[in-house]
Amino acid sequence: MGAFLSETSLPTGITDTQDRLAALDYVADRQLATCVFLALKLQRPLLLEGEPGTGKTEIARTLAQMLGRPLIRLQCYEGLDLAGAAYEWNYGRQMMEIRLAELAGGATGAAADDRPRRDSLAAELFSERFLSKRALLQAIDPANAVAPVLLIDELDRADEAFEAFLLEVLSDYQITIPELGTVKARLPPIVILTSNRTREIHDAVKRRCLYHWIGFPDAARELDILRRRVPGAAPELARQVVAFVQQLRGLELYKLPGIAETLEWARALCALDAVVLDPALVQQTLGLLLKYQDDTLRVQGEPQGSEVARLLAQAQMDARSLAG
């Protein structure tokens, strides 16, 4: 599972949760901190939904660091099945074991009807040493010395049928393997599920989880995040970046920029030695904020650059209020 920090105790309350996340530069509002604290206290999975780039995945990484736990990530995708998510048998190794047993039997002149030996081999073939453990089985492995953080990322990308398999994991922290039996966690993992809501997650999954919607932050909180994550940004540039992104989120765009895009843009502007925004600089770097051509054309305006200039002028005014 990789190296991790020394395990630390769980937060003592909501404020402690918020403070410990902030110490690792994750700025959570009170409602999110409450959900995280309750998920830890009650040992319940936490389902986070929201727009891409709003910090859903990052909360799992931060929790793992905060608690000194290993992070196990299951990245969901269309067609994800049991073999990719939980376990599969190492058929190549099993076949090799059968072949070696046949050769050994021939060399020793064992009787063809040596049923006890064959039964023993059959049982051995479906033992744990032939089991390839994937993310879900790794997370509930009874041999775990500490409870890991299990991130089931972008569940909405997986097929709906996959959610039915998850129910046993989310309810009882166990997986039933027909050939081996039931594997149950000795130390239940901390489970974070995320969804960008490209489709609805089934109610059966939601009932087993605490739920929180992560929206876009207000300007003050986004500025706090930017200052923590991009400390090299000039103060005025940081305020203007946040104010401009806030302006963009008020437009009817196909894909609104998330916090991840704000931070990426700020880092790029720092690399260009920018200290304030100007219309030409914004136009040249719009691709860091907007990922669809139609959105870029909408923001540029007609004639080209007119809308950028208008948005930037408003953002510069709004940035002054953030200075206070």
C-alpha atoms as a PDB file:
ATOM      1  CA  MET A   1       0.000   0.000   0.000  1.00  0.00           C
ATOM      2  CA  GLY A   2       2.989   2.285   0.070  1.00  0.00           C
ATOM      3  CA  ALA A   3       4.491   4.406   2.791  1.00  0.00           C
ATOM      4  CA  PHE A   4       2.306   6.548   5.011  1.00  0.00           C
ATOM      5  CA  LEU A   5       2.682   8.773   8.029  1.00  0.00           C
ATOM      6  CA  SER A   6       2.326   7.530  11.584  1.00  0.00           C
ATOM      7  CA  GLU A   7      -1.330   6.922  12.356  1.00  0.00           C
ATOM      8  CA  THR A   8      -2.978   9.725  14.308  1.00  0.00           C
ATOM      9  CA  SER A   9      -6.208   9.875  16.263  1.00  0.00           C
ATOM     10  CA  LEU A  10      -9.535  10.897  14.778  1.00  0.00           C
ATOM     11  CA  PRO A  11     -10.689  14.515  15.156  1.00  0.00           C
ATOM     12  CA  THR A  12     -12.463  15.336  18.416  1.00  0.00           C
ATOM     13  CA  GLY A  13     -15.151  17.513  16.842  1.00  0.00           C
ATOM     14  CA  ILE A  14     -16.262  19.552  13.840  1.00  0.00           C
ATOM     15  CA  THR A  15     -13.977  22.499  14.574  1.00  0.00           C
ATOM     16  CA  ASP A  16     -11.022  20.161  15.082  1.00  0.00           C
ATOM     17  CA  THR A  17     -11.832  18.487  11.748  1.00  0.00           C
ATOM     18  CA  GLN A  18     -11.975  21.844   9.995  1.00  0.00           C
ATOM     19  CA  ASP A  19      -8.742  23.043  11.581  1.00  0.00           C
ATOM     20  CA  ARG A  20      -6.815  19.850  10.800  1.00  0.00           C
ATOM     21  CA  LEU A  21      -7.943  19.921   7.171  1.00  0.00           C
ATOM     22  CA  ALA A  22      -6.968  23.599   6.935  1.00  0.00           C
ATOM     23  CA  ALA A  23      -3.536  22.782   8.360  1.00  0.00           C
ATOM     24  CA  LEU A  24      -3.044  20.663   5.227  1.00  0.00           C
ATOM     25  CA  ASP A  25      -4.376  23.483   3.009  1.00  0.00           C
ATOM     26  CA  TYR A  26      -7.817  21.957   2.446  1.00  0.00           C
ATOM     27  CA  VAL A  27     -10.304  24.753   3.188  1.00  0.00           C
ATOM     28  CA  ALA A  28     -13.589  23.064   4.123  1.00  0.00           C
ATOM     29  CA  ASP A  29     -16.738  24.929   5.046  1.00  0.00           C
ATOM     30  CA  ARG A  30     -18.594  24.048   8.247  1.00  0.00           C
ATOM     31  CA  GLN A  31     -21.111  21.782   6.521  1.00  0.00           C
ATOM     32  CA  LEU A  32     -18.458  19.668   4.795  1.00  0.00           C
ATOM     33  CA  ALA A  33     -16.400  19.452   7.995  1.00  0.00           C
ATOM     34  CA  THR A  34     -19.519  18.214   9.802  1.00  0.00           C
ATOM     35  CA  CYS A  35     -20.093  15.457   7.229  1.00  0.00           C
ATOM     36  CA  VAL A  36     -16.450  14.386   7.363  1.00  0.00           C
ATOM     37  CA  PHE A  37     -16.447  14.281  11.169  1.00  0.00           C
ATOM     38  CA  LEU A  38     -19.668  12.228  11.263  1.00  0.00           C
ATOM     39  CA  ALA A  39     -18.387   9.829   8.598  1.00  0.00           C
ATOM     40  CA  LEU A  40     -15.305   9.182  10.751  1.00  0.00           C
ATOM     41  CA  LYS A  41     -17.200   9.034  14.037  1.00  0.00           C
ATOM     42  CA  LEU A  42     -20.016   6.764  12.800  1.00  0.00           C
ATOM     43  CA  GLN A  43     -17.819   4.709  10.435  1.00  0.00           C
ATOM     44  CA  ARG A  44     -20.143   5.458   7.527  1.00  0.00           C
ATOM     45  CA  PRO A  45     -19.165   5.890   3.861  1.00  0.00           C
ATOM     46  CA  LEU A  46     -19.326   9.475   2.598  1.00  0.00           C
ATOM     47  CA  LEU A  47     -20.693  10.199  -0.873  1.00  0.00           C
ATOM     48  CA  LEU A  48     -19.551  13.531  -2.319  1.00  0.00           C
ATOM     49  CA  GLU A  49     -21.240  14.889  -5.425  1.00  0.00           C
ATOM     50  CA  GLY A  50     -20.518  18.119  -7.266  1.00  0.00           C
ATOM     51  CA  GLU A  51     -19.016  19.711 -10.326  1.00  0.00           C
ATOM     52  CA  PRO A  52     -15.600  18.472 -11.494  1.00  0.00           C
ATOM     53  CA  GLY A  53     -12.678  20.302  -9.920  1.00  0.00           C
ATOM     54  CA  THR A  54     -14.375  21.232  -6.646  1.00  0.00           C
ATOM     55  CA  GLY A  55     -12.125  19.180  -4.339  1.00  0.00           C
ATOM     56  CA  LYS A  56     -14.031  15.895  -3.989  1.00  0.00           C
ATOM     57  CA  THR A  57     -11.066  13.651  -4.734  1.00  0.00           C
ATOM     58  CA  GLU A  58      -8.702  15.887  -2.791  1.00  0.00           C
ATOM     59  CA  ILE A  59     -10.642  15.397   0.451  1.00  0.00           C
ATOM     60  CA  ALA A  60      -9.737  11.681   0.418  1.00  0.00           C
ATOM     61  CA  ARG A  61      -6.053  12.431  -0.169  1.00  0.00           C
ATOM     62  CA  THR A  62      -6.074  15.016   2.603  1.00  0.00           C
ATOM     63  CA  LEU A  63      -7.834  12.676   5.040  1.00  0.00           C
ATOM     64  CA  ALA A  64      -5.268   9.958   4.384  1.00  0.00           C
ATOM     65  CA  GLN A  65      -2.462  12.416   5.101  1.00  0.00           C
ATOM     66  CA  MET A  66      -4.235  13.902   8.121  1.00  0.00           C
ATOM     67  CA  LEU A  67      -4.830  10.516   9.747  1.00  0.00           C
ATOM     68  CA  GLY A  68      -1.615   8.847   8.637  1.00  0.00           C
ATOM     69  CA  ARG A  69      -3.500   6.147   6.710  1.00  0.00           C
ATOM     70  CA  PRO A  70      -2.689   4.548   3.360  1.00  0.00           C
ATOM     71  CA  LEU A  71      -4.884   5.714   0.479  1.00  0.00           C
ATOM     72  CA  ILE A  72      -6.374   3.068  -1.802  1.00  0.00           C
ATOM     73  CA  ARG A  73      -7.992   4.504  -4.932  1.00  0.00           C
ATOM     74  CA  LEU A  74     -10.477   2.767  -7.199  1.00  0.00           C
ATOM     75  CA  GLN A  75     -10.886   4.851 -10.369  1.00  0.00           C
ATOM     76  CA  CYS A  76     -14.250   3.959 -11.874  1.00  0.00           C
ATOM     77  CA  TYR A  77     -14.831   3.660 -15.614  1.00  0.00           C
ATOM     78  CA  GLU A  78     -17.380   2.226 -18.008  1.00  0.00           C
ATOM     79  CA  GLY A  79     -17.201  -1.569 -17.999  1.00  0.00           C
ATOM     80  CA  LEU A  80     -15.576  -1.822 -14.548  1.00  0.00           C
ATOM     81  CA  ASP A  81     -16.323  -5.284 -13.145  1.00  0.00           C
ATOM     82  CA  LEU A  82     -15.519  -7.515 -10.204  1.00  0.00           C
ATOM     83  CA  ALA A  83     -12.120  -8.497 -11.610  1.00  0.00           C
ATOM     84  CA  GLY A  84     -11.045  -4.874 -11.984  1.00  0.00           C
ATOM     85  CA  ALA A  85     -12.478  -3.621  -8.694  1.00  0.00           C
ATOM     86  CA  ALA A  86     -12.178  -6.422  -6.144  1.00  0.00           C
ATOM     87  CA  TYR A  87     -10.328  -9.600  -7.115  1.00  0.00           C
ATOM     88  CA  GLU A  88      -9.596 -12.175  -9.767  1.00  0.00           C
ATOM     89  CA  TRP A  89      -7.996 -15.590  -9.739  1.00  0.00           C
ATOM     90  CA  ASN A  90      -4.507 -15.913 -11.168  1.00  0.00           C
ATOM     91  CA  TYR A  91      -5.446 -18.467 -13.806  1.00  0.00           C
ATOM     92  CA  GLY A  92      -1.969 -18.590 -15.325  1.00  0.00           C
ATOM     93  CA  ARG A  93      -0.432 -19.516 -11.996  1.00  0.00           C
ATOM     94  CA  GLN A  94      -3.185 -22.043 -11.335  1.00  0.00           C
ATOM     95  CA  MET A  95      -2.532 -23.769 -14.669  1.00  0.00           C
ATOM     96  CA  MET A  96       1.164 -23.876 -13.918  1.00  0.00           C
ATOM     97  CA  GLU A  97       0.442 -25.474 -10.536  1.00  0.00           C
ATOM     98  CA  ILE A  98      -1.750 -28.116 -12.188  1.00  0.00           C
ATOM     99  CA  ARG A  99       0.936 -28.873 -14.740  1.00  0.00           C
ATOM    100  CA  LEU A 100       3.627 -29.173 -12.055  1.00  0.00           C
ATOM    101  CA  ALA A 101       1.394 -31.516 -10.051  1.00  0.00           C
ATOM    102  CA  GLU A 102       0.835 -33.693 -13.126  1.00  0.00           C
ATOM    103  CA  LEU A 103       4.560 -33.889 -13.768  1.00  0.00           C
ATOM    104  CA  ALA A 104       5.266 -34.706 -10.134  1.00  0.00           C
ATOM    105  CA  GLY A 105       2.619 -37.417 -10.158  1.00  0.00           C
ATOM    106  CA  GLY A 106       4.099 -38.961 -13.291  1.00  0.00           C
ATOM    107  CA  ALA A 107       7.594 -38.901 -11.859  1.00  0.00           C
ATOM    108  CA  THR A 108       6.531 -40.675  -8.667  1.00  0.00           C
ATOM    109  CA  GLY A 109       4.283 -43.147 -10.429  1.00  0.00           C
ATOM    110  CA  ALA A 110       1.178 -42.050  -8.508  1.00  0.00           C
ATOM    111  CA  ALA A 111      -1.996 -43.964  -9.217  1.00  0.00           C
ATOM    112  CA  ALA A 112      -4.300 -42.480 -11.802  1.00  0.00           C
ATOM    113  CA  ASP A 113      -7.164 -42.631  -9.334  1.00  0.00           C
ATOM    114  CA  ASP A 114      -5.380 -40.658  -6.624  1.00  0.00           C
ATOM    115  CA  ARG A 115      -8.481 -38.780  -5.562  1.00  0.00           C
ATOM    116  CA  PRO A 116      -7.217 -37.414  -2.207  1.00  0.00           C
ATOM    117  CA  ARG A 117      -4.280 -35.775  -3.969  1.00  0.00           C
ATOM    118  CA  ARG A 118      -6.519 -34.278  -6.658  1.00  0.00           C
ATOM    119  CA  ASP A 119      -9.011 -33.000  -4.086  1.00  0.00           C
ATOM    120  CA  SER A 120      -6.186 -31.407  -2.126  1.00  0.00           C
ATOM    121  CA  LEU A 121      -4.882 -29.732  -5.275  1.00  0.00           C
ATOM    122  CA  ALA A 122      -8.349 -28.454  -6.202  1.00  0.00           C
ATOM    123  CA  ALA A 123      -8.752 -26.885  -2.774  1.00  0.00           C
ATOM    124  CA  GLU A 124      -5.277 -25.366  -2.934  1.00  0.00           C
ATOM    125  CA  LEU A 125      -5.927 -23.783  -6.350  1.00  0.00           C
ATOM    126  CA  PHE A 126      -8.615 -21.572  -4.845  1.00  0.00           C
ATOM    127  CA  SER A 127      -6.646 -20.500  -1.819  1.00  0.00           C
ATOM    128  CA  GLU A 128      -5.553 -16.966  -1.070  1.00  0.00           C
ATOM    129  CA  ARG A 129      -2.117 -17.363  -2.618  1.00  0.00           C
ATOM    130  CA  PHE A 130      -3.725 -17.595  -6.066  1.00  0.00           C
ATOM    131  CA  LEU A 131      -5.931 -14.532  -5.448  1.00  0.00           C
ATOM    132  CA  SER A 132      -5.048 -11.212  -7.073  1.00  0.00           C
ATOM    133  CA  LYS A 133      -6.410  -8.509  -4.769  1.00  0.00           C
ATOM    134  CA  ARG A 134      -7.718  -5.304  -6.309  1.00  0.00           C
ATOM    135  CA  ALA A 135      -8.640  -2.047  -4.560  1.00  0.00           C
ATOM    136  CA  LEU A 136     -11.829  -3.133  -2.755  1.00  0.00           C
ATOM    137  CA  LEU A 137     -10.368  -6.357  -1.390  1.00  0.00           C
ATOM    138  CA  GLN A 138      -7.155  -4.583  -0.397  1.00  0.00           C
ATOM    139  CA  ALA A 139      -9.211  -2.069   1.589  1.00  0.00           C
ATOM    140  CA  ILE A 140     -11.043  -4.712   3.647  1.00  0.00           C
ATOM    141  CA  ASP A 141      -8.132  -7.133   3.982  1.00  0.00           C
ATOM    142  CA  PRO A 142      -8.227  -8.512   7.579  1.00  0.00           C
ATOM    143  CA  ALA A 143      -4.429  -8.400   7.567  1.00  0.00           C
ATOM    144  CA  ASN A 144      -4.396  -4.582   7.380  1.00  0.00           C
ATOM    145  CA  ALA A 145      -2.507  -3.120  10.330  1.00  0.00           C
ATOM    146  CA  VAL A 146      -4.470   0.147  10.053  1.00  0.00           C
ATOM    147  CA  ALA A 147      -7.761   1.019   8.396  1.00  0.00           C
ATOM    148  CA  PRO A 148      -6.980   2.620   5.024  1.00  0.00           C
ATOM    149  CA  VAL A 149      -8.840   5.417   3.271  1.00  0.00           C
ATOM    150  CA  LEU A 150     -10.702   3.897   0.320  1.00  0.00           C
ATOM    151  CA  LEU A 151     -11.489   6.353  -2.478  1.00  0.00           C
ATOM    152  CA  ILE A 152     -14.100   5.137  -4.978  1.00  0.00           C
ATOM    153  CA  ASP A 153     -13.631   7.912  -7.504  1.00  0.00           C
ATOM    154  CA  GLU A 154     -16.175   9.023 -10.123  1.00  0.00           C
ATOM    155  CA  LEU A 155     -18.696   6.268  -9.415  1.00  0.00           C
ATOM    156  CA  ASP A 156     -21.023   7.793 -12.008  1.00  0.00           C
ATOM    157  CA  ARG A 157     -18.610   6.643 -14.741  1.00  0.00           C
ATOM    158  CA  ALA A 158     -19.170   2.973 -13.858  1.00  0.00           C
ATOM    159  CA  ASP A 159     -22.181   1.001 -15.072  1.00  0.00           C
ATOM    160  CA  GLU A 160     -25.241   0.916 -12.821  1.00  0.00           C
ATOM    161  CA  ALA A 161     -24.832  -2.852 -12.385  1.00  0.00           C
ATOM    162  CA  PHE A 162     -21.527  -2.255 -10.596  1.00  0.00           C
ATOM    163  CA  GLU A 163     -23.334  -0.382  -7.819  1.00  0.00           C
ATOM    164  CA  ALA A 164     -25.192  -3.573  -6.835  1.00  0.00           C
ATOM    165  CA  PHE A 165     -21.887  -5.251  -6.043  1.00  0.00           C
ATOM    166  CA  LEU A 166     -20.801  -2.284  -3.922  1.00  0.00           C
ATOM    167  CA  LEU A 167     -23.737  -2.664  -1.542  1.00  0.00           C
ATOM    168  CA  GLU A 168     -22.114  -5.493   0.424  1.00  0.00           C
ATOM    169  CA  VAL A 169     -18.897  -3.510   0.778  1.00  0.00           C
ATOM    170  CA  LEU A 170     -20.662  -0.336   1.891  1.00  0.00           C
ATOM    171  CA  SER A 171     -23.043  -2.074   4.317  1.00  0.00           C
ATOM    172  CA  ASP A 172     -20.843  -4.680   5.985  1.00  0.00           C
ATOM    173  CA  TYR A 173     -17.290  -3.962   4.814  1.00  0.00           C
ATOM    174  CA  GLN A 174     -17.076  -7.462   3.391  1.00  0.00           C
ATOM    175  CA  ILE A 175     -16.860  -9.295   0.056  1.00  0.00           C
ATOM    176  CA  THR A 176     -18.173 -12.773  -0.607  1.00  0.00           C
ATOM    177  CA  ILE A 177     -15.908 -14.876  -2.834  1.00  0.00           C
ATOM    178  CA  PRO A 178     -17.784 -18.042  -3.892  1.00  0.00           C
ATOM    179  CA  GLU A 179     -14.675 -20.265  -4.002  1.00  0.00           C
ATOM    180  CA  LEU A 180     -13.146 -18.921  -0.785  1.00  0.00           C
ATOM    181  CA  GLY A 181     -15.910 -17.602   1.461  1.00  0.00           C
ATOM    182  CA  THR A 182     -16.570 -14.177   2.970  1.00  0.00           C
ATOM    183  CA  VAL A 183     -13.704 -11.759   3.556  1.00  0.00           C
ATOM    184  CA  LYS A 184     -14.625  -9.200   6.223  1.00  0.00           C
ATOM    185  CA  ALA A 185     -12.613  -6.202   7.353  1.00  0.00           C
ATOM    186  CA  ARG A 186     -11.138  -6.405  10.827  1.00  0.00           C
ATOM    187  CA  LEU A 187     -10.653  -2.616  10.699  1.00  0.00           C
ATOM    188  CA  PRO A 188     -13.345  -0.986   8.517  1.00  0.00           C
ATOM    189  CA  PRO A 189     -11.838   1.409   5.963  1.00  0.00           C
ATOM    190  CA  ILE A 190     -12.746   5.073   5.718  1.00  0.00           C
ATOM    191  CA  VAL A 191     -14.747   5.151   2.465  1.00  0.00           C
ATOM    192  CA  ILE A 192     -15.105   8.242   0.281  1.00  0.00           C
ATOM    193  CA  LEU A 193     -17.180   7.974  -2.907  1.00  0.00           C
ATOM    194  CA  THR A 194     -17.264  10.773  -5.480  1.00  0.00           C
ATOM    195  CA  SER A 195     -19.587  11.505  -8.381  1.00  0.00           C
ATOM    196  CA  ASN A 196     -19.671  14.277 -10.978  1.00  0.00           C
ATOM    197  CA  ARG A 197     -23.368  13.469 -11.439  1.00  0.00           C
ATOM    198  CA  THR A 198     -23.183  12.573 -15.118  1.00  0.00           C
ATOM    199  CA  ARG A 199     -25.904  10.115 -14.097  1.00  0.00           C
ATOM    200  CA  GLU A 200     -27.871   9.507 -10.906  1.00  0.00           C
ATOM    201  CA  ILE A 201     -26.404   7.193  -8.295  1.00  0.00           C
ATOM    202  CA  HIS A 202     -28.878   4.523  -7.169  1.00  0.00           C
ATOM    203  CA  ASP A 203     -30.833   5.194  -3.974  1.00  0.00           C
ATOM    204  CA  ALA A 204     -29.597   1.911  -2.469  1.00  0.00           C
ATOM    205  CA  VAL A 205     -26.039   3.277  -2.537  1.00  0.00           C
ATOM    206  CA  LYS A 206     -27.079   6.672  -1.196  1.00  0.00           C
ATOM    207  CA  ARG A 207     -28.959   5.087   1.741  1.00  0.00           C
ATOM    208  CA  ARG A 208     -25.743   3.456   2.889  1.00  0.00           C
ATOM    209  CA  CYS A 209     -23.772   6.701   2.815  1.00  0.00           C
ATOM    210  CA  LEU A 210     -23.673  10.118   4.355  1.00  0.00           C
ATOM    211  CA  TYR A 211     -24.188  12.624   1.548  1.00  0.00           C
ATOM    212  CA  HIS A 212     -22.789  16.059   0.763  1.00  0.00           C
ATOM    213  CA  TRP A 213     -22.926  18.257  -2.318  1.00  0.00           C
ATOM    214  CA  ILE A 214     -19.717  20.229  -2.888  1.00  0.00           C
ATOM    215  CA  GLY A 215     -20.491  23.398  -4.777  1.00  0.00           C
ATOM    216  CA  PHE A 216     -18.266  26.166  -6.022  1.00  0.00           C
ATOM    217  CA  PRO A 217     -16.813  28.246  -3.163  1.00  0.00           C
ATOM    218  CA  ASP A 218     -17.590  31.902  -2.662  1.00  0.00           C
ATOM    219  CA  ALA A 219     -14.901  34.428  -3.541  1.00  0.00           C
ATOM    220  CA  ALA A 220     -13.467  34.735  -0.025  1.00  0.00           C
ATOM    221  CA  ARG A 221     -13.021  30.978   0.440  1.00  0.00           C
ATOM    222  CA  GLU A 222     -11.623  30.523  -3.065  1.00  0.00           C
ATOM    223  CA  LEU A 223      -9.096  33.283  -2.413  1.00  0.00           C
ATOM    224  CA  ASP A 224      -8.069  31.520   0.807  1.00  0.00           C
ATOM    225  CA  ILE A 225      -7.588  28.274  -1.136  1.00  0.00           C
ATOM    226  CA  LEU A 226      -5.550  30.004  -3.834  1.00  0.00           C
ATOM    227  CA  ARG A 227      -3.280  31.733  -1.320  1.00  0.00           C
ATOM    228  CA  ARG A 228      -2.580  28.406   0.385  1.00  0.00           C
ATOM    229  CA  ARG A 229      -2.048  26.372  -2.780  1.00  0.00           C
ATOM    230  CA  VAL A 230      -0.249  29.029  -4.865  1.00  0.00           C
ATOM    231  CA  PRO A 231       1.618  31.091  -2.274  1.00  0.00           C
ATOM    232  CA  GLY A 232       3.849  32.656  -4.919  1.00  0.00           C
ATOM    233  CA  ALA A 233       0.969  34.526  -6.578  1.00  0.00           C
ATOM    234  CA  ALA A 234       1.118  38.309  -6.181  1.00  0.00           C
ATOM    235  CA  PRO A 235      -1.681  39.532  -3.864  1.00  0.00           C
ATOM    236  CA  GLU A 236      -3.427  41.631  -6.507  1.00  0.00           C
ATOM    237  CA  LEU A 237      -3.107  38.881  -9.114  1.00  0.00           C
ATOM    238  CA  ALA A 238      -4.666  36.353  -6.701  1.00  0.00           C
ATOM    239  CA  ARG A 239      -7.636  38.626  -6.059  1.00  0.00           C
ATOM    240  CA  GLN A 240      -8.155  39.340  -9.762  1.00  0.00           C
ATOM    241  CA  VAL A 241      -7.896  35.660 -10.701  1.00  0.00           C
ATOM    242  CA  VAL A 242     -10.573  34.704  -8.171  1.00  0.00           C
ATOM    243  CA  ALA A 243     -12.835  37.599  -9.140  1.00  0.00           C
ATOM    244  CA  PHE A 244     -12.537  36.771 -12.862  1.00  0.00           C
ATOM    245  CA  VAL A 245     -13.320  33.073 -12.311  1.00  0.00           C
ATOM    246  CA  GLN A 246     -16.302  34.056 -10.187  1.00  0.00           C
ATOM    247  CA  GLN A 247     -17.504  36.178 -13.125  1.00  0.00           C
ATOM    248  CA  LEU A 248     -17.151  33.215 -15.489  1.00  0.00           C
ATOM    249  CA  ARG A 249     -19.317  31.050 -13.246  1.00  0.00           C
ATOM    250  CA  GLY A 250     -22.133  33.522 -13.713  1.00  0.00           C
ATOM    251  CA  LEU A 251     -22.224  32.828 -17.463  1.00  0.00           C
ATOM    252  CA  GLU A 252     -24.105  30.056 -19.259  1.00  0.00           C
ATOM    253  CA  LEU A 253     -21.148  27.865 -20.165  1.00  0.00           C
ATOM    254  CA  TYR A 254     -21.056  24.178 -21.015  1.00  0.00           C
ATOM    255  CA  LYS A 255     -18.336  23.534 -18.428  1.00  0.00           C
ATOM    256  CA  LEU A 256     -17.774  26.023 -15.634  1.00  0.00           C
ATOM    257  CA  PRO A 257     -14.208  26.270 -14.307  1.00  0.00           C
ATOM    258  CA  GLY A 258     -13.675  24.565 -10.957  1.00  0.00           C
ATOM    259  CA  ILE A 259     -11.209  25.275  -8.197  1.00  0.00           C
ATOM    260  CA  ALA A 260      -8.706  23.028  -9.953  1.00  0.00           C
ATOM    261  CA  GLU A 261      -8.809  25.304 -13.005  1.00  0.00           C
ATOM    262  CA  THR A 262      -8.444  28.402 -10.820  1.00  0.00           C
ATOM    263  CA  LEU A 263      -5.278  26.992  -9.253  1.00  0.00           C
ATOM    264  CA  GLU A 264      -3.888  25.799 -12.587  1.00  0.00           C
ATOM    265  CA  TRP A 265      -4.467  29.237 -14.122  1.00  0.00           C
ATOM    266  CA  ALA A 266      -2.843  31.000 -11.170  1.00  0.00           C
ATOM    267  CA  ARG A 267       0.245  28.773 -11.401  1.00  0.00           C
ATOM    268  CA  ALA A 268       0.516  29.413 -15.132  1.00  0.00           C
ATOM    269  CA  LEU A 269       0.232  33.176 -14.619  1.00  0.00           C
ATOM    270  CA  CYS A 270       2.977  33.021 -11.987  1.00  0.00           C
ATOM    271  CA  ALA A 271       5.159  31.137 -14.471  1.00  0.00           C
ATOM    272  CA  LEU A 272       4.577  34.058 -16.881  1.00  0.00           C
ATOM    273  CA  ASP A 273       5.689  36.500 -14.151  1.00  0.00           C
ATOM    274  CA  ALA A 274       2.277  38.202 -14.131  1.00  0.00           C
ATOM    275  CA  VAL A 275       1.411  40.473 -11.214  1.00  0.00           C
ATOM    276  CA  VAL A 276      -1.984  41.665 -12.513  1.00  0.00           C
ATOM    277  CA  LEU A 277      -4.373  40.615 -15.273  1.00  0.00           C
ATOM    278  CA  ASP A 278      -4.821  42.410 -18.571  1.00  0.00           C
ATOM    279  CA  PRO A 279      -7.151  41.543 -21.487  1.00  0.00           C
ATOM    280  CA  ALA A 280      -4.400  40.196 -23.750  1.00  0.00           C
ATOM    281  CA  LEU A 281      -3.014  37.941 -21.013  1.00  0.00           C
ATOM    282  CA  VAL A 282      -6.483  36.594 -20.211  1.00  0.00           C
ATOM    283  CA  GLN A 283      -7.189  35.779 -23.867  1.00  0.00           C
ATOM    284  CA  GLN A 284      -3.840  34.047 -24.286  1.00  0.00           C
ATOM    285  CA  THR A 285      -4.440  31.793 -21.278  1.00  0.00           C
ATOM    286  CA  LEU A 286      -8.189  31.111 -21.532  1.00  0.00           C
ATOM    287  CA  GLY A 287      -7.452  27.486 -22.452  1.00  0.00           C
ATOM    288  CA  LEU A 288      -6.395  26.868 -18.867  1.00  0.00           C
ATOM    289  CA  LEU A 289      -9.879  27.792 -17.646  1.00  0.00           C
ATOM    290  CA  LEU A 290     -12.199  26.694 -20.441  1.00  0.00           C
ATOM    291  CA  LYS A 291     -12.028  23.255 -22.033  1.00  0.00           C
ATOM    292  CA  TYR A 292     -14.597  23.692 -24.826  1.00  0.00           C
ATOM    293  CA  GLN A 293     -14.266  25.878 -27.890  1.00  0.00           C
ATOM    294  CA  ASP A 294     -17.868  27.103 -27.680  1.00  0.00           C
ATOM    295  CA  ASP A 295     -17.213  28.343 -24.137  1.00  0.00           C
ATOM    296  CA  THR A 296     -14.026  30.107 -25.285  1.00  0.00           C
ATOM    297  CA  LEU A 297     -15.864  31.882 -28.112  1.00  0.00           C
ATOM    298  CA  ARG A 298     -18.667  32.851 -25.727  1.00  0.00           C
ATOM    299  CA  VAL A 299     -16.212  34.433 -23.277  1.00  0.00           C
ATOM    300  CA  GLN A 300     -14.164  36.181 -25.945  1.00  0.00           C
ATOM    301  CA  GLY A 301     -17.248  37.876 -27.349  1.00  0.00           C
ATOM    302  CA  GLU A 302     -17.793  39.650 -30.633  1.00  0.00           C
ATOM    303  CA  PRO A 303     -15.758  41.542 -31.680  1.00  0.00           C
ATOM    304  CA  GLN A 304     -13.107  39.209 -30.305  1.00  0.00           C
ATOM    305  CA  GLY A 305     -11.966  40.217 -26.839  1.00  0.00           C
ATOM    306  CA  SER A 306     -14.868  42.521 -26.071  1.00  0.00           C
ATOM    307  CA  GLU A 307     -16.472  40.186 -23.527  1.00  0.00           C
ATOM    308  CA  VAL A 308     -13.109  39.421 -21.916  1.00  0.00           C
ATOM    309  CA  ALA A 309     -12.509  43.134 -21.453  1.00  0.00           C
ATOM    310  CA  ARG A 310     -15.942  43.606 -19.891  1.00  0.00           C
ATOM    311  CA  LEU A 311     -15.563  40.652 -17.524  1.00  0.00           C
ATOM    312  CA  LEU A 312     -12.059  41.731 -16.536  1.00  0.00           C
ATOM    313  CA  ALA A 313     -13.167  45.277 -15.793  1.00  0.00           C
ATOM    314  CA  GLN A 314     -15.886  43.948 -13.488  1.00  0.00           C
ATOM    315  CA  ALA A 315     -13.453  41.484 -11.913  1.00  0.00           C
ATOM    316  CA  GLN A 316     -10.957  44.234 -11.181  1.00  0.00           C
ATOM    317  CA  MET A 317     -13.691  46.154  -9.358  1.00  0.00           C
ATOM    318  CA  ASP A 318     -14.705  43.047  -7.401  1.00  0.00           C
ATOM    319  CA  ALA A 319     -11.051  42.347  -6.539  1.00  0.00           C
ATOM    320  CA  ARG A 320     -10.893  45.626  -4.621  1.00  0.00           C
ATOM    321  CA  SER A 321     -13.589  44.393  -2.245  1.00  0.00           C
ATOM    322  CA  LEU A 322     -11.569  41.210  -1.631  1.00  0.00           C
ATOM    323  CA  ALA A 323      -8.611  43.321  -0.576  1.00  0.00           C
ATOM    324  CA  GLY A 324     -10.483  44.372   2.524  1.00  0.00           C
END
